[in-house]
């Protein structure tokens, strides 16, 4: 039961032989009670400390030196720089083309809007002139004059190839133009 009871630990303990002090560890009482050997408090020394140091010039055993820049490494770096330059040129080209395309598109939209406005204005003037001519024809009180303007009154005689004879209708319209039916009544 004395093993399970915590006790105040002294600052240093002696080993089993009692002649050397050792450092106290956190679980020192537990390991001591279990009978395991103490764990050293300091890290092990460098295992390569006994090897002679290599000279500064030779980095590999056998005296081979690794060159700072090999031909392959130079080519890779040069190729990488070229690729980056090409990428930057491509990106600037893309930006330039996009700005040019945006300006051309804006100019096309402006031109189209102007063309639409012109056509609208032209259609309005044509519509106004058409309505004015219609109202002028109604003022004459002879609608047959307007009908006679729309047809060809100087038509040629019918041809014998089977086309219809429209001379009687033409003569009737000319007669109505000269003396309208509504005026006689």
N, C-alpha and C. Protein backbone atom coordinates (compact mmCIF):
# COMPACT_ATOMS: atom_id res chain seq x y z
N UNK A 1 0.82 -1.19 0.00
CA UNK A 1 0.00 0.00 0.00
C UNK A 1 0.85 1.24 0.00
N UNK A 2 2.08 1.15 0.36
CA UNK A 2 2.96 2.31 0.36
C UNK A 2 3.32 2.72 -1.07
N UNK A 3 3.18 1.82 -2.02
CA UNK A 3 3.49 2.15 -3.41
C UNK A 3 2.44 3.08 -4.00
N UNK A 4 1.19 2.99 -3.61
CA UNK A 4 0.13 3.77 -4.19
C UNK A 4 -0.02 5.13 -3.54
N UNK A 5 0.57 5.31 -2.41
CA UNK A 5 0.44 6.56 -1.71
C UNK A 5 1.46 7.55 -2.24
N UNK A 6 1.01 8.78 -2.64
CA UNK A 6 1.99 9.76 -3.12
C UNK A 6 2.84 10.28 -1.98
N UNK A 7 4.07 10.49 -2.29
CA UNK A 7 4.99 11.03 -1.29
C UNK A 7 5.66 12.24 -1.87
N UNK A 8 6.18 13.07 -1.03
CA UNK A 8 6.91 14.25 -1.49
C UNK A 8 8.24 13.78 -2.05
N UNK A 9 8.53 14.22 -3.27
CA UNK A 9 9.75 13.78 -3.93
C UNK A 9 10.89 14.69 -3.55
N UNK A 10 12.04 14.15 -3.24
CA UNK A 10 13.20 14.99 -2.95
C UNK A 10 13.73 15.61 -4.24
N UNK A 11 14.55 16.61 -4.16
CA UNK A 11 15.08 17.32 -5.30
C UNK A 11 15.91 16.41 -6.18
N UNK A 12 16.65 15.52 -5.65
CA UNK A 12 17.45 14.58 -6.42
C UNK A 12 17.43 13.24 -5.71
N UNK A 13 17.47 12.19 -6.45
CA UNK A 13 17.49 10.85 -5.86
C UNK A 13 18.78 10.17 -6.26
N UNK A 14 19.06 9.19 -5.62
CA UNK A 14 20.24 8.43 -5.97
C UNK A 14 19.81 7.19 -6.69
N UNK A 15 20.67 6.64 -7.50
CA UNK A 15 20.36 5.43 -8.24
C UNK A 15 20.40 4.24 -7.30
N UNK A 16 20.19 3.08 -7.86
CA UNK A 16 20.15 1.87 -7.05
C UNK A 16 21.44 1.68 -6.27
N UNK A 17 22.55 2.14 -6.83
CA UNK A 17 23.82 2.01 -6.12
C UNK A 17 23.95 3.08 -5.07
N UNK A 18 23.24 4.19 -5.23
CA UNK A 18 23.23 5.24 -4.22
C UNK A 18 24.35 6.23 -4.33
N UNK A 19 25.17 6.19 -5.38
CA UNK A 19 26.30 7.11 -5.44
C UNK A 19 26.11 8.26 -6.41
N UNK A 20 25.17 8.24 -7.38
CA UNK A 20 25.00 9.34 -8.35
C UNK A 20 23.58 9.89 -8.24
N UNK A 21 23.43 11.20 -8.24
CA UNK A 21 22.07 11.76 -8.26
C UNK A 21 21.53 11.75 -9.69
N UNK A 22 20.25 11.62 -9.84
CA UNK A 22 19.63 11.65 -11.16
C UNK A 22 18.50 12.67 -11.13
N UNK A 23 18.09 13.10 -12.31
CA UNK A 23 17.04 14.12 -12.42
C UNK A 23 15.68 13.50 -12.15
N UNK A 24 14.76 14.29 -11.60
CA UNK A 24 13.42 13.81 -11.29
C UNK A 24 12.55 14.03 -12.51
N UNK A 25 11.77 13.03 -12.83
CA UNK A 25 10.87 13.12 -13.95
C UNK A 25 9.45 13.14 -13.43
N UNK A 26 8.48 13.46 -14.30
CA UNK A 26 7.09 13.62 -13.88
C UNK A 26 6.52 12.34 -13.30
N UNK A 27 6.76 11.23 -13.94
CA UNK A 27 6.21 9.96 -13.48
C UNK A 27 7.30 9.12 -12.80
N UNK A 28 8.19 9.75 -12.15
CA UNK A 28 9.33 9.07 -11.57
C UNK A 28 8.90 8.04 -10.53
N UNK A 29 7.93 8.40 -9.71
CA UNK A 29 7.50 7.48 -8.66
C UNK A 29 6.87 6.24 -9.28
N UNK A 30 6.10 6.40 -10.34
CA UNK A 30 5.44 5.28 -10.97
C UNK A 30 6.47 4.31 -11.55
N UNK A 31 7.46 4.85 -12.31
CA UNK A 31 8.47 3.99 -12.91
C UNK A 31 9.33 3.33 -11.85
N UNK A 32 9.59 4.05 -10.79
CA UNK A 32 10.41 3.48 -9.72
C UNK A 32 9.65 2.34 -9.07
N UNK A 33 8.34 2.53 -8.90
CA UNK A 33 7.55 1.49 -8.27
C UNK A 33 7.45 0.29 -9.18
N UNK A 34 7.44 0.48 -10.49
CA UNK A 34 7.32 -0.62 -11.41
C UNK A 34 8.64 -1.34 -11.60
N UNK A 35 9.72 -0.73 -11.21
CA UNK A 35 11.01 -1.36 -11.30
C UNK A 35 11.69 -1.19 -12.63
N UNK A 36 11.24 -0.24 -13.46
CA UNK A 36 11.86 -0.02 -14.76
C UNK A 36 13.05 0.90 -14.61
N UNK A 37 13.99 0.81 -15.55
CA UNK A 37 15.16 1.67 -15.45
C UNK A 37 14.78 3.12 -15.73
N UNK A 38 15.47 4.06 -15.17
CA UNK A 38 15.13 5.48 -15.36
C UNK A 38 15.42 5.92 -16.79
N UNK A 39 14.60 6.85 -17.29
CA UNK A 39 14.76 7.41 -18.62
C UNK A 39 15.67 8.61 -18.51
N UNK A 40 16.67 8.71 -19.35
CA UNK A 40 17.57 9.86 -19.22
C UNK A 40 16.84 11.16 -19.56
N UNK A 41 17.16 12.24 -18.86
CA UNK A 41 16.50 13.52 -19.04
C UNK A 41 17.04 14.27 -20.24
N UNK A 42 18.25 14.03 -20.65
CA UNK A 42 18.85 14.73 -21.78
C UNK A 42 18.78 13.87 -23.02
N UNK A 43 18.75 14.51 -24.20
CA UNK A 43 18.69 13.79 -25.45
C UNK A 43 20.02 13.11 -25.72
N UNK A 44 19.96 12.07 -26.52
CA UNK A 44 21.17 11.35 -26.91
C UNK A 44 22.07 12.27 -27.71
N UNK A 45 23.30 12.01 -27.72
CA UNK A 45 24.26 12.79 -28.49
C UNK A 45 24.10 12.46 -29.98
N UNK A 46 24.63 13.32 -30.86
CA UNK A 46 24.55 13.14 -32.30
C UNK A 46 25.26 11.86 -32.69
N UNK A 47 24.58 10.93 -33.41
CA UNK A 47 25.24 9.68 -33.78
C UNK A 47 26.35 9.88 -34.81
N UNK A 48 26.34 10.99 -35.53
CA UNK A 48 27.36 11.24 -36.55
C UNK A 48 28.47 12.17 -36.04
N UNK A 49 28.47 12.41 -34.75
CA UNK A 49 29.48 13.30 -34.19
C UNK A 49 30.87 12.72 -34.33
N UNK A 50 30.98 11.40 -34.35
CA UNK A 50 32.30 10.78 -34.43
C UNK A 50 32.87 10.79 -35.84
N UNK A 51 32.02 11.06 -36.87
CA UNK A 51 32.50 11.07 -38.25
C UNK A 51 33.28 12.34 -38.53
N UNK A 52 34.31 12.25 -39.34
CA UNK A 52 35.06 13.47 -39.66
C UNK A 52 34.21 14.38 -40.55
N UNK A 53 34.28 15.67 -40.34
CA UNK A 53 33.50 16.60 -41.19
C UNK A 53 34.04 16.61 -42.60
N UNK A 54 33.13 16.82 -43.53
CA UNK A 54 33.52 16.88 -44.93
C UNK A 54 34.03 18.28 -45.24
N UNK A 55 34.88 18.37 -46.20
CA UNK A 55 35.40 19.68 -46.55
C UNK A 55 34.29 20.50 -47.21
N UNK A 56 34.40 21.80 -47.20
CA UNK A 56 33.37 22.68 -47.74
C UNK A 56 33.19 22.53 -49.23
N UNK A 57 34.25 22.16 -49.97
CA UNK A 57 34.15 22.05 -51.42
C UNK A 57 33.48 20.76 -51.88
N UNK A 58 33.75 19.67 -51.20
CA UNK A 58 33.17 18.40 -51.66
C UNK A 58 31.91 18.14 -50.86
N UNK A 59 30.78 18.09 -51.56
CA UNK A 59 29.50 17.91 -50.89
C UNK A 59 29.06 16.46 -50.91
N UNK A 60 29.73 15.65 -51.69
CA UNK A 60 29.34 14.24 -51.77
C UNK A 60 30.54 13.37 -51.46
N UNK A 61 30.29 12.18 -50.97
CA UNK A 61 31.43 11.29 -50.76
C UNK A 61 32.05 10.91 -52.11
N UNK A 62 33.28 10.77 -52.13
CA UNK A 62 33.96 10.43 -53.37
C UNK A 62 34.54 11.65 -54.04
N UNK A 63 34.30 12.83 -53.51
CA UNK A 63 34.90 14.03 -54.04
C UNK A 63 34.17 14.68 -55.19
N UNK A 64 32.96 14.19 -55.55
CA UNK A 64 32.20 14.82 -56.62
C UNK A 64 31.58 16.11 -56.12
N UNK A 65 31.61 17.11 -56.95
CA UNK A 65 30.96 18.37 -56.58
C UNK A 65 29.67 18.52 -57.38
N UNK A 66 28.65 18.98 -56.73
CA UNK A 66 27.39 19.23 -57.42
C UNK A 66 27.42 20.66 -57.92
N UNK A 67 27.34 20.83 -59.22
CA UNK A 67 27.39 22.20 -59.72
C UNK A 67 26.13 22.96 -59.30
N UNK A 68 26.31 24.23 -59.06
CA UNK A 68 25.19 25.08 -58.65
C UNK A 68 24.13 25.10 -59.75
N UNK A 69 24.54 25.20 -61.00
CA UNK A 69 23.60 25.30 -62.10
C UNK A 69 24.01 24.32 -63.19
N UNK A 70 23.15 23.35 -63.43
CA UNK A 70 23.43 22.41 -64.51
C UNK A 70 22.77 22.94 -65.78
N UNK A 71 23.13 22.33 -66.90
CA UNK A 71 22.55 22.77 -68.18
C UNK A 71 21.05 22.53 -68.19
N UNK A 72 20.62 21.42 -67.60
CA UNK A 72 19.19 21.13 -67.56
C UNK A 72 18.46 22.14 -66.68
N UNK A 73 19.05 22.48 -65.53
CA UNK A 73 18.43 23.44 -64.63
C UNK A 73 18.35 24.82 -65.31
N UNK A 74 19.39 25.20 -66.03
CA UNK A 74 19.38 26.48 -66.74
C UNK A 74 18.27 26.49 -67.80
N UNK A 75 18.18 25.40 -68.56
CA UNK A 75 17.14 25.32 -69.60
C UNK A 75 15.75 25.37 -68.97
N UNK A 76 15.55 24.65 -67.84
CA UNK A 76 14.25 24.65 -67.19
C UNK A 76 13.86 26.06 -66.73
N UNK A 77 14.81 26.77 -66.13
CA UNK A 77 14.52 28.13 -65.67
C UNK A 77 14.27 29.07 -66.85
N UNK A 78 15.07 28.93 -67.90
CA UNK A 78 14.88 29.76 -69.09
C UNK A 78 13.52 29.47 -69.72
N UNK A 79 13.17 28.19 -69.81
CA UNK A 79 11.88 27.78 -70.39
C UNK A 79 10.73 28.31 -69.53
N UNK A 80 10.89 28.24 -68.23
CA UNK A 80 9.85 28.75 -67.32
C UNK A 80 9.66 30.26 -67.51
N UNK A 81 10.76 30.98 -67.63
CA UNK A 81 10.66 32.43 -67.87
C UNK A 81 9.97 32.71 -69.19
N UNK A 82 10.34 31.95 -70.24
CA UNK A 82 9.72 32.15 -71.55
C UNK A 82 8.22 31.87 -71.50
N UNK A 83 7.84 30.81 -70.78
CA UNK A 83 6.42 30.49 -70.65
C UNK A 83 5.66 31.59 -69.91
N UNK A 84 6.28 32.12 -68.86
CA UNK A 84 5.64 33.22 -68.13
C UNK A 84 5.49 34.46 -69.01
N UNK A 85 6.52 34.76 -69.78
CA UNK A 85 6.44 35.92 -70.68
C UNK A 85 5.35 35.71 -71.72
N UNK A 86 5.28 34.50 -72.28
CA UNK A 86 4.24 34.21 -73.27
C UNK A 86 2.86 34.33 -72.64
N UNK A 87 2.73 33.85 -71.42
CA UNK A 87 1.44 33.93 -70.73
C UNK A 87 1.05 35.38 -70.48
N UNK A 88 2.02 36.20 -70.07
CA UNK A 88 1.73 37.61 -69.85
C UNK A 88 1.34 38.31 -71.15
N UNK A 89 2.07 38.01 -72.24
CA UNK A 89 1.73 38.60 -73.53
C UNK A 89 0.33 38.17 -73.96
N UNK A 90 0.02 36.91 -73.75
CA UNK A 90 -1.31 36.41 -74.12
C UNK A 90 -2.40 37.11 -73.32
N UNK A 91 -2.16 37.28 -72.02
CA UNK A 91 -3.16 37.95 -71.18
C UNK A 91 -3.34 39.41 -71.59
N UNK A 92 -2.25 40.11 -71.91
CA UNK A 92 -2.38 41.50 -72.35
C UNK A 92 -3.09 41.55 -73.71
N UNK A 93 -2.78 40.61 -74.59
CA UNK A 93 -3.46 40.54 -75.89
C UNK A 93 -4.95 40.31 -75.72
N UNK A 94 -5.30 39.42 -74.81
CA UNK A 94 -6.72 39.15 -74.55
C UNK A 94 -7.40 40.40 -74.03
N UNK A 95 -6.76 41.10 -73.11
CA UNK A 95 -7.36 42.33 -72.56
C UNK A 95 -7.53 43.38 -73.65
N UNK A 96 -6.52 43.53 -74.51
CA UNK A 96 -6.61 44.51 -75.59
C UNK A 96 -7.74 44.16 -76.56
N UNK A 97 -7.83 42.88 -76.92
CA UNK A 97 -8.89 42.47 -77.84
C UNK A 97 -10.27 42.66 -77.22
N UNK A 98 -10.38 42.40 -75.93
CA UNK A 98 -11.68 42.58 -75.27
C UNK A 98 -12.07 44.05 -75.23
N UNK A 99 -11.13 44.94 -74.95
CA UNK A 99 -11.46 46.36 -74.93
C UNK A 99 -11.81 46.85 -76.33
N UNK A 100 -11.05 46.37 -77.34
CA UNK A 100 -11.36 46.76 -78.73
C UNK A 100 -12.74 46.24 -79.13
N UNK A 101 -13.03 45.00 -78.77
CA UNK A 101 -14.34 44.42 -79.11
C UNK A 101 -15.46 45.17 -78.40
N UNK A 102 -15.23 45.55 -77.15
CA UNK A 102 -16.26 46.28 -76.42
C UNK A 102 -16.51 47.65 -77.05
N UNK A 103 -15.44 48.33 -77.49
CA UNK A 103 -15.63 49.63 -78.12
C UNK A 103 -16.34 49.49 -79.47
N UNK A 104 -15.98 48.46 -80.25
CA UNK A 104 -16.65 48.23 -81.54
C UNK A 104 -18.12 47.87 -81.34
N UNK A 105 -18.39 47.08 -80.33
CA UNK A 105 -19.77 46.71 -80.04
C UNK A 105 -20.58 47.94 -79.62
N UNK A 106 -19.97 48.80 -78.83
CA UNK A 106 -20.66 50.03 -78.42
C UNK A 106 -20.91 50.93 -79.63
N UNK A 107 -19.92 51.04 -80.51
CA UNK A 107 -20.10 51.85 -81.72
C UNK A 107 -21.21 51.26 -82.60
N UNK A 108 -21.23 49.95 -82.74
CA UNK A 108 -22.28 49.30 -83.54
C UNK A 108 -23.66 49.54 -82.93
N UNK A 109 -23.76 49.43 -81.61
CA UNK A 109 -25.04 49.69 -80.94
C UNK A 109 -25.49 51.13 -81.13
N UNK A 110 -24.54 52.08 -81.04
CA UNK A 110 -24.88 53.49 -81.25
C UNK A 110 -25.36 53.72 -82.68
N UNK A 111 -24.64 53.14 -83.66
CA UNK A 111 -25.01 53.29 -85.07
C UNK A 111 -26.39 52.68 -85.33
N UNK A 112 -26.65 51.54 -84.73
CA UNK A 112 -27.94 50.87 -84.89
C UNK A 112 -29.06 51.72 -84.30
N UNK A 113 -28.82 52.29 -83.13
CA UNK A 113 -29.85 53.13 -82.50
C UNK A 113 -30.13 54.37 -83.35
N UNK A 114 -29.08 54.95 -83.95
CA UNK A 114 -29.28 56.10 -84.83
C UNK A 114 -30.08 55.71 -86.07
N UNK A 115 -29.75 54.54 -86.64
CA UNK A 115 -30.49 54.06 -87.82
C UNK A 115 -31.96 53.83 -87.49
N UNK A 116 -32.23 53.28 -86.32
CA UNK A 116 -33.62 53.06 -85.91
C UNK A 116 -34.35 54.38 -85.77
N UNK A 117 -33.68 55.35 -85.17
CA UNK A 117 -34.32 56.67 -85.01
C UNK A 117 -34.59 57.32 -86.36
N UNK A 118 -33.65 57.16 -87.31
CA UNK A 118 -33.86 57.72 -88.66
C UNK A 118 -35.06 57.07 -89.34
N UNK A 119 -35.11 55.74 -89.27
CA UNK A 119 -36.23 55.03 -89.90
C UNK A 119 -37.56 55.41 -89.27
N UNK A 120 -37.57 55.56 -87.95
CA UNK A 120 -38.81 55.96 -87.29
C UNK A 120 -39.25 57.34 -87.76
N UNK A 121 -38.30 58.28 -87.85
CA UNK A 121 -38.64 59.63 -88.31
C UNK A 121 -39.12 59.60 -89.75
N UNK A 122 -38.45 58.84 -90.61
CA UNK A 122 -38.85 58.74 -92.01
C UNK A 122 -40.24 58.12 -92.13
N UNK A 123 -40.51 57.07 -91.37
CA UNK A 123 -41.83 56.44 -91.42
C UNK A 123 -42.92 57.40 -90.94
N UNK A 124 -42.60 58.20 -89.93
CA UNK A 124 -43.59 59.17 -89.44
C UNK A 124 -43.91 60.21 -90.51
N UNK A 125 -42.88 60.70 -91.21
CA UNK A 125 -43.13 61.71 -92.24
C UNK A 125 -43.92 61.11 -93.40
N UNK A 126 -43.58 59.87 -93.79
CA UNK A 126 -44.34 59.22 -94.87
C UNK A 126 -45.79 59.00 -94.46
N UNK A 127 -45.99 58.62 -93.21
CA UNK A 127 -47.35 58.41 -92.72
C UNK A 127 -48.12 59.73 -92.70
N UNK A 128 -47.46 60.78 -92.29
CA UNK A 128 -48.13 62.10 -92.28
C UNK A 128 -48.50 62.54 -93.69
N UNK A 129 -47.59 62.36 -94.65
CA UNK A 129 -47.92 62.75 -96.03
C UNK A 129 -49.04 61.90 -96.60
N UNK A 130 -49.04 60.61 -96.27
CA UNK A 130 -50.11 59.73 -96.75
C UNK A 130 -51.45 60.14 -96.17
N UNK A 131 -51.47 60.44 -94.89
CA UNK A 131 -52.73 60.87 -94.26
C UNK A 131 -53.19 62.21 -94.81
N UNK A 132 -52.23 63.09 -95.10
CA UNK A 132 -52.60 64.39 -95.66
C UNK A 132 -53.19 64.23 -97.05
N UNK A 133 -52.61 63.35 -97.86
CA UNK A 133 -53.16 63.14 -99.21
C UNK A 133 -54.53 62.49 -99.15
N UNK A 134 -54.74 61.63 -98.17
CA UNK A 134 -56.06 61.02 -98.00
C UNK A 134 -57.11 62.06 -97.62
N UNK A 135 -56.72 62.90 -96.71
CA UNK A 135 -57.69 63.92 -96.29
C UNK A 135 -57.96 64.92 -97.42
N UNK A 136 -56.94 65.16 -98.27
CA UNK A 136 -57.14 66.04 -99.43
C UNK A 136 -58.12 65.41 -100.43
N UNK A 137 -58.03 64.10 -100.60
CA UNK A 137 -58.92 63.44 -101.55
C UNK A 137 -60.36 63.45 -101.05
N UNK A 138 -60.54 63.41 -99.76
CA UNK A 138 -61.90 63.44 -99.21
C UNK A 138 -62.48 64.85 -99.34
N UNK A 139 -61.64 65.86 -99.32
CA UNK A 139 -62.12 67.23 -99.42
C UNK A 139 -62.77 67.49 -100.79
N UNK A 140 -62.29 66.81 -101.82
CA UNK A 140 -62.83 66.99 -103.17
C UNK A 140 -64.24 66.42 -103.32
N UNK A 141 -64.69 65.66 -102.37
CA UNK A 141 -66.01 65.05 -102.35
C UNK A 141 -66.26 64.10 -103.52
N UNK A 142 -65.23 63.77 -104.26
CA UNK A 142 -65.36 62.81 -105.36
C UNK A 142 -64.38 61.69 -105.10
N UNK A 143 -64.80 60.61 -104.45
CA UNK A 143 -63.87 59.52 -104.15
C UNK A 143 -63.43 58.79 -105.40
N UNK A 144 -64.19 58.94 -106.50
CA UNK A 144 -63.82 58.23 -107.73
C UNK A 144 -62.55 58.81 -108.35
N UNK A 145 -62.24 60.05 -108.05
CA UNK A 145 -60.99 60.63 -108.54
C UNK A 145 -59.80 59.91 -107.90
N UNK A 146 -59.92 59.62 -106.63
CA UNK A 146 -58.85 58.89 -105.92
C UNK A 146 -58.70 57.48 -106.50
N UNK A 147 -59.81 56.81 -106.78
CA UNK A 147 -59.76 55.46 -107.36
C UNK A 147 -59.14 55.53 -108.75
N UNK A 148 -59.47 56.52 -109.52
CA UNK A 148 -58.94 56.65 -110.88
C UNK A 148 -57.44 56.91 -110.86
N UNK A 149 -56.94 57.57 -109.81
CA UNK A 149 -55.49 57.79 -109.69
C UNK A 149 -54.74 56.50 -109.44
N UNK A 150 -55.40 55.57 -108.79
CA UNK A 150 -54.74 54.33 -108.42
C UNK A 150 -54.68 53.31 -109.57
N UNK A 151 -55.49 53.50 -110.60
CA UNK A 151 -55.47 52.53 -111.70
C UNK A 151 -54.85 53.16 -112.94
N UNK A 152 -54.50 52.30 -113.88
CA UNK A 152 -53.94 52.75 -115.15
C UNK A 152 -55.10 53.00 -116.10
N UNK A 153 -55.36 54.28 -116.40
CA UNK A 153 -56.47 54.63 -117.29
C UNK A 153 -56.08 54.61 -118.75
N UNK A 154 -54.80 54.50 -119.04
CA UNK A 154 -54.34 54.49 -120.44
C UNK A 154 -53.88 53.09 -120.81
N UNK A 155 -54.59 52.10 -120.40
CA UNK A 155 -54.22 50.72 -120.67
C UNK A 155 -54.36 50.40 -122.14
N UNK A 156 -53.61 49.43 -122.57
CA UNK A 156 -53.65 49.00 -123.97
C UNK A 156 -54.83 48.08 -124.18
N UNK A 157 -55.16 47.86 -125.44
CA UNK A 157 -56.27 46.96 -125.80
C UNK A 157 -55.89 45.54 -125.44
N UNK A 158 -56.89 44.72 -125.18
CA UNK A 158 -56.57 43.34 -124.79
C UNK A 158 -55.95 42.56 -125.93
N UNK A 159 -55.08 41.66 -125.55
CA UNK A 159 -54.38 40.83 -126.52
C UNK A 159 -55.19 39.54 -126.69
N UNK A 160 -55.10 38.92 -127.84
CA UNK A 160 -55.89 37.73 -128.16
C UNK A 160 -55.37 36.47 -127.49
N UNK A 161 -54.43 36.57 -126.57
CA UNK A 161 -53.87 35.36 -125.98
C UNK A 161 -54.67 34.87 -124.77
N UNK A 162 -55.85 35.39 -124.55
CA UNK A 162 -56.71 34.89 -123.49
C UNK A 162 -56.70 35.74 -122.24
N UNK A 163 -56.06 36.89 -122.25
CA UNK A 163 -56.09 37.74 -121.06
C UNK A 163 -57.44 38.43 -120.98
N UNK A 164 -57.84 38.91 -119.89
CA UNK A 164 -59.17 39.50 -119.70
C UNK A 164 -59.27 40.89 -120.31
N UNK A 165 -60.43 41.21 -120.71
CA UNK A 165 -60.70 42.53 -121.28
C UNK A 165 -61.17 43.43 -120.14
N UNK A 166 -60.36 44.47 -119.79
CA UNK A 166 -60.69 45.38 -118.70
C UNK A 166 -61.08 46.76 -119.21
N UNK A 167 -61.28 46.89 -120.50
CA UNK A 167 -61.57 48.20 -121.07
C UNK A 167 -62.93 48.73 -120.61
N UNK A 168 -63.93 47.88 -120.44
CA UNK A 168 -65.25 48.33 -119.99
C UNK A 168 -65.18 48.87 -118.58
N UNK A 169 -64.40 48.17 -117.68
CA UNK A 169 -64.27 48.63 -116.29
C UNK A 169 -63.53 49.96 -116.26
N UNK A 170 -62.50 50.09 -117.05
CA UNK A 170 -61.73 51.33 -117.10
C UNK A 170 -62.61 52.47 -117.58
N UNK A 171 -63.40 52.23 -118.56
CA UNK A 171 -64.30 53.27 -119.09
C UNK A 171 -65.33 53.67 -118.04
N UNK A 172 -65.82 52.71 -117.26
CA UNK A 172 -66.78 53.01 -116.20
C UNK A 172 -66.15 53.88 -115.12
N UNK A 173 -64.92 53.57 -114.72
CA UNK A 173 -64.24 54.36 -113.68
C UNK A 173 -63.98 55.79 -114.17
N UNK A 174 -63.63 55.94 -115.43
CA UNK A 174 -63.40 57.29 -115.98
C UNK A 174 -64.71 58.06 -115.98
N UNK A 175 -65.78 57.42 -116.33
CA UNK A 175 -67.09 58.07 -116.34
C UNK A 175 -67.50 58.50 -114.93
N UNK A 176 -67.25 57.62 -113.93
CA UNK A 176 -67.58 57.95 -112.54
C UNK A 176 -66.72 59.11 -112.03
N UNK A 177 -65.50 59.17 -112.50
CA UNK A 177 -64.61 60.26 -112.10
C UNK A 177 -65.15 61.59 -112.63
N UNK A 178 -65.60 61.56 -113.87
CA UNK A 178 -66.10 62.78 -114.49
C UNK A 178 -67.44 63.19 -113.90
N UNK A 179 -68.34 62.25 -113.73
CA UNK A 179 -69.66 62.61 -113.17
C UNK A 179 -70.00 61.57 -112.11
N UNK A 180 -69.68 61.84 -110.84
CA UNK A 180 -69.95 60.88 -109.79
C UNK A 180 -71.44 60.62 -109.59
N UNK A 181 -71.74 59.43 -109.08
CA UNK A 181 -73.13 59.03 -108.90
C UNK A 181 -73.76 59.83 -107.78
N UNK A 182 -73.02 60.10 -106.71
CA UNK A 182 -73.55 60.83 -105.57
C UNK A 182 -73.86 62.28 -105.91
N UNK A 183 -73.19 62.87 -106.85
CA UNK A 183 -73.41 64.27 -107.24
C UNK A 183 -74.68 64.38 -108.06
N UNK A 184 -75.01 63.36 -108.86
CA UNK A 184 -76.20 63.40 -109.70
C UNK A 184 -77.44 63.21 -108.86
N UNK A 185 -77.36 62.54 -107.75
CA UNK A 185 -78.55 62.26 -106.96
C UNK A 185 -78.97 63.36 -106.07
